[in-house]
Amino acid sequence: MPGPLEGLRVIELGQLIAGPFCGQMLGDLGAEVIKVEAPGKGDAMRDWGQGKPVWWPVIARNKKCITLDLRRETGQGILADLAAEADILIENFRPGTLEKWGLSPEALHARNPGLILVRVSGFGQTGPYAKRAGYGSIGEAMGGMRYLAGEPDRPPSRVGLSIGDALAATFGCVGALAALEYRRKTGRGQVVDSAIYEAVLGMLESTVAEYTEAGVIRERTGSILPKIAPSNVYPTADGEMVLVAANQDSVFARLAEAMGEPELATDERYANHLARGERQAELDARIGAWTATLPAKELLDHCEQHGVPAGRIFRVPEMLDDPQFRAREAIIKVDHPEFTNLHMQNVFPKLSATPGSVRWPGPALGAHTDEVLSDLLGYDAERIAALREAGHI
């Protein structure tokens, strides 16, 4: 299916997650994404994945892959030519790398004034930390997310995903789309500067204001939201974990009905948001004693009948088996020459007229080099062969 960004050309540099995930999102929505990798080696993501190296087919899906030795002048010149024909260039090198190669924003804009340059890095392009190495985990730590993740009596936890990288990539993608609108009005491109620590900071809700106005430092709270009750993970008779969220007064009244204790909704201990928040642990224990008597399916059916939000804690097997996931094709099977049962997340968000699609999984190293250099830059077969012989591609 066509995507809303069909006709846009993106050059993607760098490796791992923060830049390439931005490219994945643009490619999912229809852009032509040309991924540049080092000859003979490629992106380290080609080797990542638990069990099998299956991360590459996901993060490099819908991309054309070419090889260029960007540490040599010839490769840098070819990249400059490619950027002159592109709408967006994504990079997640350490700040100053492009400048060292003679490919600064000023140099690129001199040839292509409309180019949008998305620069994803640990600390941004300016400031005293700009040139520090900055992995996603460091951005999560300094951006405040790690401090809030986990149980209060233990050291901070990782959330289980590379969330800092993904957030910086997502904000970079949003910035690129905003810059496209500015270019439509003015004809001018610009730099989108997306720092991992700032992307994480941007998700911290009202924590900054809570401290500056009230002196409150939000702490780790495990599975609960302090003073927001009931909203927690509760046990079931068959050992499943079910999250029930009924902190709004009207929803709590429905939960009380479902529990067979409608009087709880008017009990002064639980009758309003403030009262329930003050007795959060007590209320959670009471609800947990009820849920523990029911198998998960029966509990979920009971909650659904009474209009109480509830859901199991899913792993991938449960997602693959769930009718909601299947009905919306949230996970799809993708043909791959090496992996016979490759599934991955579908394109999101869903657009009604131009939804985008997974057109192919991450390709082999350099699979599109000849095609791109020939079609985009007009190189003939002899010139391409010479570049390959010299190790430039």
Protein backbone atom coordinates (compact mmCIF):
# COMPACT_ATOMS: atom_id res chain seq x y z
CA MET A 1 0.00 0.00 0.00
CA PRO A 2 1.24 3.52 -0.71
CA GLY A 3 2.19 5.72 2.19
CA PRO A 4 1.70 9.45 2.74
CA LEU A 5 5.46 10.06 2.29
CA GLU A 6 5.65 8.37 -1.11
CA GLY A 7 7.94 10.40 -3.36
CA LEU A 8 10.22 11.59 -0.55
CA ARG A 9 13.83 10.43 -0.61
CA VAL A 10 15.72 9.83 2.65
CA ILE A 11 19.43 9.12 3.09
CA GLU A 12 20.12 7.27 6.35
CA LEU A 13 23.62 7.25 7.87
CA GLY A 14 24.83 5.87 11.19
CA GLN A 15 23.92 2.59 12.81
CA LEU A 16 22.29 0.80 15.75
CA ILE A 17 18.90 2.20 16.80
CA ALA A 18 18.51 5.94 17.33
CA GLY A 19 18.96 7.03 13.71
CA PRO A 20 17.80 3.86 11.94
CA PHE A 21 14.50 3.71 13.84
CA CYS A 22 13.73 7.21 12.52
CA GLY A 23 14.44 5.88 9.03
CA GLN A 24 12.22 2.87 9.68
CA MET A 25 9.27 5.09 10.54
CA LEU A 26 9.73 7.24 7.45
CA GLY A 27 10.09 4.14 5.28
CA ASP A 28 6.99 2.55 6.80
CA LEU A 29 5.02 5.61 5.69
CA GLY A 30 6.20 5.34 2.10
CA ALA A 31 9.44 7.30 1.83
CA GLU A 32 12.30 5.92 -0.24
CA VAL A 33 14.98 5.30 2.39
CA ILE A 34 18.54 4.68 1.22
CA LYS A 35 20.58 3.17 4.04
CA VAL A 36 24.35 3.77 3.80
CA GLU A 37 26.62 1.15 5.39
CA ALA A 38 30.35 0.52 5.52
CA PRO A 39 31.64 -1.90 2.85
CA GLY A 40 32.18 -5.44 4.07
CA LYS A 41 30.87 -4.77 7.56
CA GLY A 42 27.53 -3.03 7.60
CA ASP A 43 25.38 -1.96 10.50
CA ALA A 44 25.97 -3.83 13.77
CA MET A 45 22.21 -4.41 13.91
CA ARG A 46 22.68 -7.14 11.31
CA ASP A 47 23.98 -9.35 14.13
CA TRP A 48 21.47 -8.38 16.84
CA GLY A 49 18.52 -10.37 18.14
CA GLN A 50 17.91 -13.00 20.79
CA GLY A 51 17.91 -16.52 19.38
CA LYS A 52 18.54 -15.39 15.79
CA PRO A 53 19.73 -12.08 14.26
CA VAL A 54 16.21 -10.91 13.43
CA TRP A 55 16.44 -7.26 14.54
CA TRP A 56 17.86 -6.21 11.17
CA PRO A 57 14.87 -7.36 9.10
CA VAL A 58 12.67 -5.18 11.33
CA ILE A 59 14.67 -1.96 11.69
CA ALA A 60 15.89 -1.99 8.07
CA ARG A 61 12.56 -2.94 6.49
CA ASN A 62 11.49 -0.90 3.46
CA LYS A 63 15.05 0.40 3.04
CA LYS A 64 17.43 0.21 0.12
CA CYS A 65 20.94 -0.60 1.31
CA ILE A 66 24.12 0.68 -0.30
CA THR A 67 27.74 0.61 0.82
CA LEU A 68 30.06 3.63 0.96
CA ASP A 69 33.37 4.12 2.73
CA LEU A 70 32.61 7.46 4.36
CA ARG A 71 36.09 7.66 5.88
CA ARG A 72 37.56 8.25 2.44
CA GLU A 73 37.20 11.30 0.24
CA THR A 74 35.61 9.42 -2.64
CA GLY A 75 32.83 8.04 -0.42
CA GLN A 76 32.24 11.45 1.10
CA GLY A 77 31.90 12.93 -2.38
CA ILE A 78 29.37 10.30 -3.40
CA LEU A 79 27.39 10.96 -0.23
CA ALA A 80 27.38 14.69 -1.03
CA ASP A 81 25.97 13.86 -4.46
CA LEU A 82 23.28 11.66 -2.92
CA ALA A 83 22.34 14.34 -0.39
CA ALA A 84 21.95 16.82 -3.24
CA GLU A 85 19.16 14.57 -4.58
CA ALA A 86 17.46 13.89 -1.23
CA ASP A 87 14.74 15.46 0.87
CA ILE A 88 15.92 14.23 4.28
CA LEU A 89 19.27 13.03 5.61
CA ILE A 90 19.39 11.18 8.95
CA GLU A 91 22.60 10.69 10.93
CA ASN A 92 23.43 9.59 14.45
CA PHE A 93 27.19 10.01 14.50
CA ARG A 94 28.98 11.77 17.32
CA PRO A 95 28.55 15.54 16.73
CA GLY A 96 31.30 16.95 14.53
CA THR A 97 31.70 13.84 12.38
CA LEU A 98 29.93 15.22 9.33
CA GLU A 99 31.82 18.48 9.68
CA LYS A 100 35.12 16.55 9.77
CA TRP A 101 34.17 14.96 6.46
CA GLY A 102 33.36 18.29 4.84
CA LEU A 103 29.63 17.53 4.99
CA SER A 104 28.45 20.17 7.44
CA PRO A 105 24.86 21.43 7.22
CA GLU A 106 26.19 24.57 5.54
CA ALA A 107 28.01 22.55 2.89
CA LEU A 108 25.03 20.29 2.26
CA HIS A 109 22.60 23.22 2.08
CA ALA A 110 24.86 25.01 -0.38
CA ARG A 111 24.03 22.29 -2.90
CA ASN A 112 20.52 21.44 -1.67
CA PRO A 113 18.88 24.34 0.19
CA GLY A 114 15.75 22.29 0.86
CA LEU A 115 17.53 19.39 2.57
CA ILE A 116 16.28 18.49 6.05
CA LEU A 117 19.08 17.13 8.21
CA VAL A 118 17.97 15.01 11.18
CA ARG A 119 20.80 14.71 13.69
CA VAL A 120 20.21 12.25 16.53
CA SER A 121 22.82 12.10 19.30
CA GLY A 122 23.23 11.49 22.99
CA PHE A 123 23.42 15.13 24.11
CA GLY A 124 22.58 17.21 21.05
CA GLN A 125 24.78 19.22 18.72
CA THR A 126 25.67 21.96 21.24
CA GLY A 127 26.61 22.30 24.89
CA PRO A 128 29.54 21.02 26.97
CA TYR A 129 28.52 17.36 26.60
CA ALA A 130 27.84 17.45 22.86
CA LYS A 131 30.88 15.44 21.79
CA ARG A 132 30.62 12.85 24.55
CA ALA A 133 29.69 9.29 23.63
CA GLY A 134 26.03 9.03 24.51
CA TYR A 135 24.23 5.69 24.34
CA GLY A 136 20.52 5.40 24.97
CA SER A 137 21.05 4.03 28.47
CA ILE A 138 22.99 7.18 29.45
CA GLY A 139 20.24 9.38 28.06
CA GLU A 140 17.65 7.41 30.02
CA ALA A 141 19.71 7.87 33.19
CA MET A 142 20.40 11.59 32.80
CA GLY A 143 16.95 12.31 31.37
CA GLY A 144 15.34 11.02 34.56
CA MET A 145 13.61 7.85 33.35
CA ARG A 146 15.93 5.30 34.93
CA TYR A 147 15.47 6.87 38.37
CA LEU A 148 11.72 6.28 38.14
CA ALA A 149 11.83 2.71 36.79
CA GLY A 150 11.54 -0.22 39.17
CA GLU A 151 10.67 -0.97 42.76
CA PRO A 152 11.29 1.63 45.47
CA ASP A 153 13.53 -0.65 47.56
CA ARG A 154 15.86 -1.60 44.71
CA PRO A 155 18.25 0.19 42.33
CA PRO A 156 16.68 1.69 39.20
CA SER A 157 15.70 -0.76 36.49
CA ARG A 158 15.85 -0.81 32.72
CA VAL A 159 12.40 -0.89 31.15
CA GLY A 160 13.37 -3.84 28.94
CA LEU A 161 13.57 -1.89 25.68
CA SER A 162 15.92 0.67 24.12
CA ILE A 163 13.39 3.35 24.93
CA GLY A 164 15.80 6.31 24.94
CA ASP A 165 16.99 5.57 21.41
CA ALA A 166 13.43 4.99 20.20
CA LEU A 167 12.17 8.24 21.72
CA ALA A 168 14.99 10.30 20.18
CA ALA A 169 14.28 8.67 16.81
CA THR A 170 10.56 9.35 17.15
CA PHE A 171 11.09 13.00 18.03
CA GLY A 172 13.53 13.21 15.13
CA CYS A 173 10.83 11.87 12.82
CA VAL A 174 8.29 14.37 14.16
CA GLY A 175 10.83 17.14 13.65
CA ALA A 176 11.46 16.04 10.07
CA LEU A 177 7.74 16.11 9.28
CA ALA A 178 7.43 19.58 10.82
CA ALA A 179 10.46 20.73 8.80
CA LEU A 180 8.81 19.43 5.62
CA GLU A 181 5.87 21.73 6.27
CA TYR A 182 8.23 24.67 6.81
CA ARG A 183 10.00 23.78 3.57
CA ARG A 184 6.66 23.69 1.74
CA LYS A 185 6.07 27.26 2.81
CA THR A 186 9.59 28.64 2.36
CA GLY A 187 11.56 26.23 0.18
CA ARG A 188 14.22 26.03 2.88
CA GLY A 189 15.43 23.00 4.80
CA GLN A 190 16.85 23.05 8.31
CA VAL A 191 18.56 20.95 10.98
CA VAL A 192 16.48 18.81 13.36
CA ASP A 193 18.57 18.34 16.52
CA SER A 194 17.22 15.39 18.57
CA ALA A 195 19.13 14.53 21.75
CA ILE A 196 18.41 11.27 23.56
CA TYR A 197 18.49 12.78 27.05
CA GLU A 198 16.07 15.54 25.99
CA ALA A 199 13.73 13.06 24.31
CA VAL A 200 13.56 11.16 27.60
CA LEU A 201 13.16 14.40 29.56
CA GLY A 202 10.25 15.32 27.30
CA MET A 203 8.32 12.27 28.55
CA LEU A 204 8.65 13.06 32.26
CA GLU A 205 5.16 14.49 32.61
CA SER A 206 4.98 17.11 35.40
CA THR A 207 8.03 15.96 37.37
CA VAL A 208 10.00 19.16 36.80
CA ALA A 209 7.10 21.40 37.80
CA GLU A 210 6.37 19.22 40.83
CA TYR A 211 9.88 19.89 42.10
CA THR A 212 10.17 23.59 41.27
CA GLU A 213 6.72 24.47 42.64
CA ALA A 214 6.27 22.00 45.48
CA GLY A 215 9.73 20.57 46.21
CA VAL A 216 8.52 17.06 45.36
CA ILE A 217 10.93 14.57 43.79
CA ARG A 218 8.96 11.75 42.20
CA GLU A 219 10.24 8.35 43.30
CA ARG A 220 10.11 4.76 42.06
CA THR A 221 6.77 3.18 42.85
CA GLY A 222 6.85 -0.20 41.13
CA SER A 223 3.53 -1.23 39.62
CA ILE A 224 1.40 1.53 41.13
CA LEU A 225 0.80 5.22 40.61
CA PRO A 226 0.91 6.80 44.08
CA LYS A 227 -2.51 8.04 45.24
CA ILE A 228 -4.13 6.69 42.05
CA ALA A 229 -6.24 3.73 43.13
CA PRO A 230 -7.17 1.18 42.21
CA SER A 231 -4.77 0.73 39.28
CA ASN A 232 -2.45 -2.23 39.67
CA VAL A 233 -1.56 -5.74 38.61
CA TYR A 234 -3.58 -8.33 40.50
CA PRO A 235 -3.23 -12.13 40.89
CA THR A 236 -5.67 -14.68 39.45
CA ALA A 237 -6.59 -18.23 40.38
CA ASP A 238 -4.65 -19.67 37.44
CA GLY A 239 -1.45 -17.70 38.04
CA GLU A 240 -1.97 -15.09 35.33
CA MET A 241 -1.36 -11.37 35.88
CA VAL A 242 -4.20 -8.97 35.12
CA LEU A 243 -4.05 -5.20 35.30
CA VAL A 244 -7.24 -3.53 36.51
CA ALA A 245 -7.60 0.25 36.27
CA ALA A 246 -10.65 1.66 38.07
CA ASN A 247 -9.43 4.83 39.74
CA GLN A 248 -12.18 7.09 38.39
CA ASP A 249 -15.18 7.33 40.76
CA SER A 250 -17.76 6.03 38.28
CA VAL A 251 -15.48 3.18 37.17
CA PHE A 252 -14.73 2.22 40.76
CA ALA A 253 -18.46 1.97 41.38
CA ARG A 254 -18.68 -0.50 38.50
CA LEU A 255 -15.75 -2.48 39.90
CA ALA A 256 -17.43 -2.62 43.31
CA GLU A 257 -20.54 -3.98 41.58
CA ALA A 258 -18.44 -6.57 39.75
CA MET A 259 -16.90 -7.63 43.06
CA GLY A 260 -20.36 -8.13 44.54
CA GLU A 261 -19.72 -5.30 47.01
CA PRO A 262 -21.56 -2.29 45.55
CA GLU A 263 -21.56 -0.63 48.96
CA LEU A 264 -17.81 0.06 48.59
CA ALA A 265 -18.62 2.86 46.15
CA THR A 266 -20.33 4.84 48.89
CA ASP A 267 -18.11 3.72 51.77
CA GLU A 268 -16.35 6.87 53.03
CA ARG A 269 -13.03 5.00 52.95
CA TYR A 270 -13.26 4.53 49.17
CA ALA A 271 -15.99 6.85 47.94
CA ASN A 272 -13.77 9.33 46.11
CA HIS A 273 -10.40 9.61 44.44
CA LEU A 274 -8.68 11.19 47.45
CA ALA A 275 -9.98 8.63 49.94
CA ARG A 276 -8.96 5.69 47.76
CA GLY A 277 -5.51 7.20 47.27
CA GLU A 278 -5.00 7.43 51.03
CA ARG A 279 -5.91 3.74 51.43
CA GLN A 280 -4.22 2.46 48.30
CA ALA A 281 -2.44 -0.56 49.79
CA GLU A 282 -5.49 -1.58 51.78
CA LEU A 283 -7.73 -1.33 48.71
CA ASP A 284 -5.27 -3.22 46.50
CA ALA A 285 -5.17 -6.06 49.03
CA ARG A 286 -8.97 -6.21 49.07
CA ILE A 287 -9.21 -6.31 45.28
CA GLY A 288 -6.38 -8.83 45.05
CA ALA A 289 -8.18 -11.17 47.43
CA TRP A 290 -11.17 -11.10 45.05
CA THR A 291 -9.23 -11.49 41.79
CA ALA A 292 -7.26 -14.41 43.23
CA THR A 293 -10.49 -16.43 43.36
CA LEU A 294 -11.08 -16.16 39.60
CA PRO A 295 -9.24 -17.54 36.57
CA ALA A 296 -7.91 -14.78 34.32
CA LYS A 297 -10.48 -15.27 31.56
CA GLU A 298 -13.38 -15.22 33.99
CA LEU A 299 -12.00 -12.11 35.67
CA LEU A 300 -11.60 -10.33 32.33
CA ASP A 301 -15.10 -11.34 31.23
CA HIS A 302 -16.48 -10.11 34.54
CA CYS A 303 -14.72 -6.76 34.17
CA GLU A 304 -15.88 -6.39 30.56
CA GLN A 305 -19.49 -7.05 31.51
CA HIS A 306 -19.32 -4.27 34.10
CA GLY A 307 -17.35 -1.80 31.97
CA VAL A 308 -14.16 -1.98 34.03
CA PRO A 309 -10.87 -1.54 32.10
CA ALA A 310 -8.74 -4.66 32.52
CA GLY A 311 -6.15 -6.56 30.54
CA ARG A 312 -3.67 -9.41 30.85
CA ILE A 313 0.05 -8.74 30.94
CA PHE A 314 1.01 -9.91 27.45
CA ARG A 315 4.16 -11.44 26.09
CA VAL A 316 4.61 -12.04 22.37
CA PRO A 317 2.86 -15.47 22.41
CA GLU A 318 -0.27 -13.87 23.88
CA MET A 319 -0.14 -11.06 21.31
CA LEU A 320 0.02 -13.54 18.44
CA ASP A 321 -2.98 -15.41 19.84
CA ASP A 322 -5.15 -12.39 20.64
CA PRO A 323 -8.19 -11.60 18.44
CA GLN A 324 -7.72 -7.82 18.72
CA PHE A 325 -4.16 -8.03 17.45
CA ARG A 326 -5.28 -10.32 14.63
CA ALA A 327 -8.28 -8.22 13.62
CA ARG A 328 -6.16 -5.09 13.24
CA GLU A 329 -3.15 -6.96 11.81
CA ALA A 330 -0.96 -5.39 14.48
CA ILE A 331 1.60 -8.16 13.87
CA ILE A 332 2.23 -9.49 10.38
CA LYS A 333 4.22 -12.28 8.77
CA VAL A 334 6.89 -11.11 6.33
CA ASP A 335 8.56 -13.20 3.65
CA HIS A 336 12.31 -13.55 4.12
CA PRO A 337 14.90 -15.61 2.23
CA GLU A 338 16.51 -16.89 5.44
CA PHE A 339 13.85 -16.87 8.17
CA THR A 340 10.79 -19.02 7.51
CA ASN A 341 8.42 -17.71 10.19
CA LEU A 342 9.38 -14.05 10.48
CA HIS A 343 6.75 -11.88 12.18
CA MET A 344 7.04 -8.24 13.13
CA GLN A 345 5.00 -5.24 14.19
CA ASN A 346 2.91 -3.70 11.42
CA VAL A 347 3.06 -0.04 10.37
CA PHE A 348 1.68 2.34 12.96
CA PRO A 349 -0.17 4.70 13.20
CA LYS A 350 -2.87 3.59 10.78
CA LEU A 351 -3.84 6.16 8.14
CA SER A 352 -7.19 5.58 6.44
CA ALA A 353 -6.23 6.61 2.89
CA THR A 354 -2.45 6.07 2.77
CA PRO A 355 -1.62 3.48 5.44
CA GLY A 356 1.88 2.56 4.33
CA SER A 357 3.12 -1.03 4.50
CA VAL A 358 6.02 -3.39 5.13
CA ARG A 359 7.11 -3.84 1.54
CA TRP A 360 10.24 -5.91 2.23
CA PRO A 361 12.44 -6.82 5.22
CA GLY A 362 15.95 -5.49 5.80
CA PRO A 363 17.98 -6.45 2.71
CA ALA A 364 21.45 -7.89 2.23
CA LEU A 365 24.50 -5.66 2.66
CA GLY A 366 24.90 -3.42 -0.37
CA ALA A 367 21.95 -5.00 -2.17
CA HIS A 368 20.92 -1.74 -3.86
CA THR A 369 24.30 -0.08 -4.40
CA ASP A 370 24.41 -0.53 -8.16
CA GLU A 371 20.75 0.46 -8.57
CA VAL A 372 21.05 3.66 -6.54
CA LEU A 373 24.34 4.84 -8.08
CA SER A 374 23.02 4.10 -11.56
CA ASP A 375 19.49 5.45 -11.28
CA LEU A 376 20.12 8.39 -8.97
CA LEU A 377 23.60 9.54 -9.94
CA GLY A 378 23.87 8.18 -13.47
CA TYR A 379 26.96 6.03 -12.89
CA ASP A 380 27.59 3.40 -15.56
CA ALA A 381 28.55 -0.21 -14.85
CA GLU A 382 32.25 0.41 -15.53
CA ARG A 383 32.45 3.25 -13.02
CA ILE A 384 30.62 1.26 -10.38
CA ALA A 385 32.94 -1.70 -10.90
CA ALA A 386 35.97 0.56 -10.51
CA LEU A 387 34.64 2.01 -7.27
CA ARG A 388 34.03 -1.48 -5.93
CA GLU A 389 37.48 -2.67 -6.94
CA ALA A 390 39.03 0.28 -5.09
CA GLY A 391 37.01 -0.47 -1.95
CA HIS A 392 34.99 2.75 -2.02
CA ILE A 393 31.66 0.90 -2.15
